[in-house]
Structure formats: C-alpha cells, structure tokens
Amino acid sequence: MSRLHCVSAKSQCKLEAMKINRFGKAEILTPDQINLLFNEGFVKPRDRALFGVCLYAACRINEACTLAVLDVFGSNGVRGVLVLRSINTKGKRDTREIQVHPKLREYLEEYNPNRRKEFLFPGRHGLGHIHKVSADKILRDTCLRLGIEGVSTHSFRRTALTRMSDAGIPLRHIQEISGHRTLTALERYLGVTEKQKQNAISALDF
C-alpha cells in the first residue's frame, strides 16, 4: 500500500470516528462560533467565501468546491442567484438555484476570483477545483487554532437549515434549498440546539 493510500485511509478513519461520536450528524454551530470563524478564523478571502457558500447557500462541501465561476459571477459581478448544478449534487438529481445572501455577496466580492478560471475555487497550482479533503483540512486547522471542537464541513449546511426551521420557514420551502428528496428526510436532518432544549424545559412553569 502506498503512503498516499495510508494517509487517505487514516483521514477516512478520523472522519468516520467523528461521525460515530456525533451519532452520524454534524454539530450545529452557535452564533458565537460562526462569528469567530468568519471574523478571526478564516484569514483568506477564499476560505471565507468557500465556507460562506456552505453556510448561506446551505449546501454540501462538495457542491461548494465544484462551483464554476459562471455559476456565481456574471458580467456585472455576483449574480442574484447561485446555481448548484445537478451533476455536482448528491444523487445528481436536480439543479438548485439559491438566492445570494447579502453577507455571502460580501464574501464573494472580497474574494474576487480569477474570472478566466473555470472553477470558483481552483485547486492546487490552479488546476481543477479545490478538493473537499483540502477544505476539510482548512476547517480542522482553523478550529484547532480557535479551540472549537466537534465541527465538520457539514456543520455549515446543517446549521443553516436548522436556523431556517427555527425561524418558522415552511419545510417545503427549506426542501427547495436543501435538495432533500422528501420532507421526512429533511425533518430527520434538522437538529435541536441547546437553547431550544433550554426553552422547552423553561416552558414547564407549573
């Protein structure tokens, strides 16, 4: 077995262990963690844009990594909607169009990628697109430096969808953004925060 395969196997084991420890679900980020990550953690505009896409478009890391420049930028700058092509989505079922959040627009404009490249987030030496394993390492190194534990690249997507649900957005509307096949699958995906549990217990005022 080559050294590269050994490293890949070790990385996979770490990822699987993280999922087992969280019972298969990514940790939900708190507002303080989000502020810390984007204001102090991600030092490169590219990294703020990459994980900003994951958070504000509620997409999977691979969907963000494989975005083409034309999926996000037009002749007049950042488009009003971000396009997640079906070929890059889980199951390769449907293309999704997500309205660009003002904060995400800010991150994308600050990043200002090379418009002559095919991919929004180019890979090493400008070839292809950044790999999701590389994105995972960026996040893990950032969290280690900040002292944040239990967070994965999938945390941004799950945090966004859970926050939408908390805000009372109809599940059918959230499903259009998330791309889940059924509402049941979406409901199982959504999390319950510590604040929600605290509020539930506080409601016992008898």
Protein backbone atom coordinates (compact mmCIF):
# COMPACT_ATOMS: atom_id res chain seq x y z
CA MET A 1 0.00 0.00 0.00
CA SER A 2 1.39 3.43 -0.96
CA ARG A 3 1.99 6.21 1.54
CA LEU A 4 -0.79 8.25 -0.11
CA HIS A 5 -3.26 5.42 0.37
CA CYS A 6 -2.22 5.07 4.02
CA VAL A 7 -2.76 8.78 4.61
CA SER A 8 -6.16 8.63 2.88
CA ALA A 9 -7.16 5.62 4.97
CA LYS A 10 -6.17 7.41 8.19
CA SER A 11 -8.11 10.51 7.17
CA GLN A 12 -11.18 8.40 6.40
CA CYS A 13 -10.92 6.68 9.79
CA LYS A 14 -10.79 10.06 11.54
CA LEU A 15 -13.86 11.28 9.63
CA GLU A 16 -15.77 8.08 10.42
CA ALA A 17 -14.82 8.34 14.10
CA MET A 18 -16.10 11.92 14.18
CA LYS A 19 -19.42 10.83 12.70
CA ILE A 20 -19.76 7.94 15.17
CA ASN A 21 -19.06 10.26 18.09
CA ARG A 22 -21.83 12.57 16.87
CA PHE A 23 -24.17 9.68 16.04
CA GLY A 24 -23.80 10.42 12.32
CA LYS A 25 -24.86 14.07 12.47
CA ALA A 26 -22.70 17.16 12.08
CA GLU A 27 -22.51 19.56 15.01
CA ILE A 28 -24.69 22.70 14.79
CA LEU A 29 -22.69 25.92 15.02
CA THR A 30 -23.60 28.56 17.59
CA PRO A 31 -23.79 32.25 16.57
CA ASP A 32 -20.61 32.90 18.56
CA GLN A 33 -18.77 30.13 16.71
CA ILE A 34 -19.92 31.49 13.35
CA ASN A 35 -18.70 34.98 14.23
CA LEU A 36 -15.38 33.63 15.48
CA LEU A 37 -14.80 31.52 12.39
CA PHE A 38 -15.58 34.24 9.86
CA ASN A 39 -14.10 37.21 11.75
CA GLU A 40 -10.95 35.64 13.20
CA GLY A 41 -10.62 32.10 11.88
CA PHE A 42 -10.69 32.21 8.10
CA VAL A 43 -7.80 34.50 7.26
CA LYS A 44 -8.05 34.16 3.47
CA PRO A 45 -10.91 35.73 1.48
CA ARG A 46 -11.12 32.43 -0.45
CA ASP A 47 -11.82 30.49 2.75
CA ARG A 48 -14.46 32.96 3.92
CA ALA A 49 -16.12 32.71 0.50
CA LEU A 50 -15.91 28.90 0.41
CA PHE A 51 -17.44 28.31 3.82
CA GLY A 52 -19.74 31.29 3.35
CA VAL A 53 -21.25 29.40 0.41
CA CYS A 54 -21.70 26.32 2.62
CA LEU A 55 -23.46 28.40 5.27
CA TYR A 56 -25.52 30.91 3.30
CA ALA A 57 -26.46 28.54 0.47
CA ALA A 58 -26.92 25.62 2.90
CA CYS A 59 -25.02 23.36 0.54
CA ARG A 60 -22.72 20.37 0.90
CA ILE A 61 -18.96 20.94 0.84
CA ASN A 62 -18.56 19.11 -2.47
CA GLU A 63 -21.26 21.30 -4.04
CA ALA A 64 -19.33 24.40 -2.94
CA CYS A 65 -15.95 23.07 -4.06
CA THR A 66 -17.20 22.24 -7.56
CA LEU A 67 -18.88 25.58 -8.29
CA ALA A 68 -17.91 27.12 -11.60
CA VAL A 69 -17.18 30.84 -11.78
CA LEU A 70 -20.17 31.27 -14.12
CA ASP A 71 -22.43 29.63 -11.52
CA VAL A 72 -21.83 32.65 -9.28
CA PHE A 73 -20.44 35.55 -11.32
CA GLY A 74 -21.90 37.27 -14.36
CA SER A 75 -20.68 40.19 -16.45
CA ASN A 76 -21.85 42.61 -13.75
CA GLY A 77 -20.35 40.77 -10.79
CA VAL A 78 -22.01 38.44 -8.30
CA ARG A 79 -25.29 37.11 -9.65
CA GLY A 80 -28.57 37.36 -7.77
CA VAL A 81 -28.80 33.57 -7.59
CA LEU A 82 -26.16 30.90 -7.15
CA VAL A 83 -26.51 27.77 -9.29
CA LEU A 84 -25.78 24.30 -7.89
CA ARG A 85 -25.66 22.08 -10.97
CA SER A 86 -27.30 18.68 -10.75
CA ILE A 87 -24.11 16.92 -11.86
CA ASN A 88 -22.40 18.16 -8.68
CA THR A 89 -25.23 17.46 -6.24
CA LYS A 90 -25.77 14.34 -4.16
CA GLY A 91 -27.66 11.84 -6.31
CA LYS A 92 -27.19 14.15 -9.30
CA ARG A 93 -30.95 14.74 -9.38
CA ASP A 94 -31.90 18.39 -9.67
CA THR A 95 -30.17 21.70 -10.30
CA ARG A 96 -30.84 24.11 -7.44
CA GLU A 97 -30.88 27.90 -7.59
CA ILE A 98 -30.21 29.70 -4.30
CA GLN A 99 -30.71 33.43 -3.74
CA VAL A 100 -27.42 35.06 -2.74
CA HIS A 101 -27.49 36.32 0.84
CA PRO A 102 -26.06 39.86 1.33
CA LYS A 103 -23.33 38.53 3.62
CA LEU A 104 -22.36 35.89 1.08
CA ARG A 105 -22.25 38.56 -1.63
CA GLU A 106 -19.84 40.49 0.58
CA TYR A 107 -17.55 37.47 0.97
CA LEU A 108 -17.65 36.70 -2.75
CA GLU A 109 -16.88 40.29 -3.76
CA GLU A 110 -13.99 40.40 -1.29
CA TYR A 111 -12.67 37.12 -2.71
CA ASN A 112 -12.91 38.41 -6.31
CA PRO A 113 -11.73 35.25 -8.08
CA ASN A 114 -9.97 34.99 -11.41
CA ARG A 115 -12.88 35.13 -13.89
CA ARG A 116 -10.81 33.38 -16.55
CA LYS A 117 -10.66 30.19 -14.48
CA GLU A 118 -13.33 27.53 -14.86
CA PHE A 119 -13.85 26.85 -11.16
CA LEU A 120 -14.71 29.38 -8.47
CA PHE A 121 -12.31 27.72 -6.03
CA PRO A 122 -9.34 26.42 -8.07
CA GLY A 123 -7.26 23.52 -6.81
CA ARG A 124 -3.53 23.39 -6.18
CA HIS A 125 -1.48 25.20 -8.83
CA GLY A 126 -4.76 26.49 -10.28
CA LEU A 127 -5.72 23.10 -11.67
CA GLY A 128 -9.27 21.75 -11.39
CA HIS A 129 -11.21 22.67 -8.25
CA ILE A 130 -10.25 22.50 -4.59
CA HIS A 131 -10.83 19.02 -3.17
CA LYS A 132 -13.23 18.56 -0.28
CA VAL A 133 -10.44 16.88 1.72
CA SER A 134 -8.39 20.08 1.39
CA ALA A 135 -11.39 22.13 2.52
CA ASP A 136 -11.81 19.80 5.50
CA LYS A 137 -8.17 20.36 6.48
CA ILE A 138 -8.59 24.14 6.26
CA LEU A 139 -11.55 23.94 8.62
CA ARG A 140 -9.90 21.49 11.05
CA ASP A 141 -6.73 23.62 11.26
CA THR A 142 -8.84 26.75 11.82
CA CYS A 143 -10.95 25.13 14.54
CA LEU A 144 -7.83 23.79 16.25
CA ARG A 145 -6.34 27.27 16.32
CA LEU A 146 -9.56 28.76 17.70
CA GLY A 147 -10.22 25.96 20.19
CA ILE A 148 -13.53 24.96 18.56
CA GLU A 149 -14.36 21.26 18.86
CA GLY A 150 -16.76 18.88 17.12
CA VAL A 151 -17.29 20.93 13.94
CA SER A 152 -17.13 19.48 10.42
CA THR A 153 -17.63 20.90 6.93
CA HIS A 154 -21.22 19.61 7.05
CA SER A 155 -21.94 21.73 10.14
CA PHE A 156 -22.50 24.83 8.00
CA ARG A 157 -25.26 23.21 5.95
CA ARG A 158 -26.98 21.66 8.94
CA THR A 159 -26.73 24.92 10.90
CA ALA A 160 -28.32 26.91 8.08
CA LEU A 161 -31.22 24.51 7.55
CA THR A 162 -31.88 24.20 11.28
CA ARG A 163 -31.88 28.00 11.65
CA MET A 164 -34.42 28.31 8.83
CA SER A 165 -36.66 25.79 10.57
CA ASP A 166 -36.31 27.63 13.88
CA ALA A 167 -37.37 30.84 12.14
CA GLY A 168 -40.64 29.20 11.11
CA ILE A 169 -39.84 28.83 7.41
CA PRO A 170 -42.14 26.12 5.95
CA LEU A 171 -40.34 22.81 5.45
CA ARG A 172 -41.41 22.71 1.81
CA HIS A 173 -39.54 25.96 1.19
CA ILE A 174 -36.47 24.69 3.04
CA GLN A 175 -36.57 21.49 0.98
CA GLU A 176 -36.23 23.54 -2.22
CA ILE A 177 -32.97 24.91 -0.84
CA SER A 178 -31.64 21.74 0.78
CA GLY A 179 -32.42 19.37 -2.09
CA HIS A 180 -33.66 16.59 0.21
CA ARG A 181 -35.84 14.11 -1.65
CA THR A 182 -38.60 14.03 0.96
CA LEU A 183 -39.82 16.17 3.85
CA THR A 184 -39.31 13.19 6.15
CA ALA A 185 -35.63 13.06 5.20
CA LEU A 186 -35.32 16.79 5.84
CA GLU A 187 -37.02 16.54 9.24
CA ARG A 188 -34.60 13.82 10.33
CA TYR A 189 -31.72 16.03 9.25
CA LEU A 190 -32.69 19.10 11.26
CA GLY A 191 -31.18 19.46 14.70
CA VAL A 192 -32.21 20.70 18.12
CA THR A 193 -29.96 23.30 19.75
CA GLU A 194 -29.11 23.59 23.45
CA LYS A 195 -31.05 26.88 23.54
CA GLN A 196 -34.15 25.17 22.17
CA LYS A 197 -33.92 22.45 24.79
CA GLN A 198 -33.46 25.08 27.48
CA ASN A 199 -36.54 26.94 26.24
CA ALA A 200 -38.52 23.70 26.22
CA ILE A 201 -37.65 23.00 29.86
CA SER A 202 -38.36 26.62 30.80
CA ALA A 203 -41.90 26.19 29.45
CA LEU A 204 -42.63 23.84 32.38
CA ASP A 205 -43.90 26.67 34.57
CA PHE A 206 -46.43 24.74 36.63
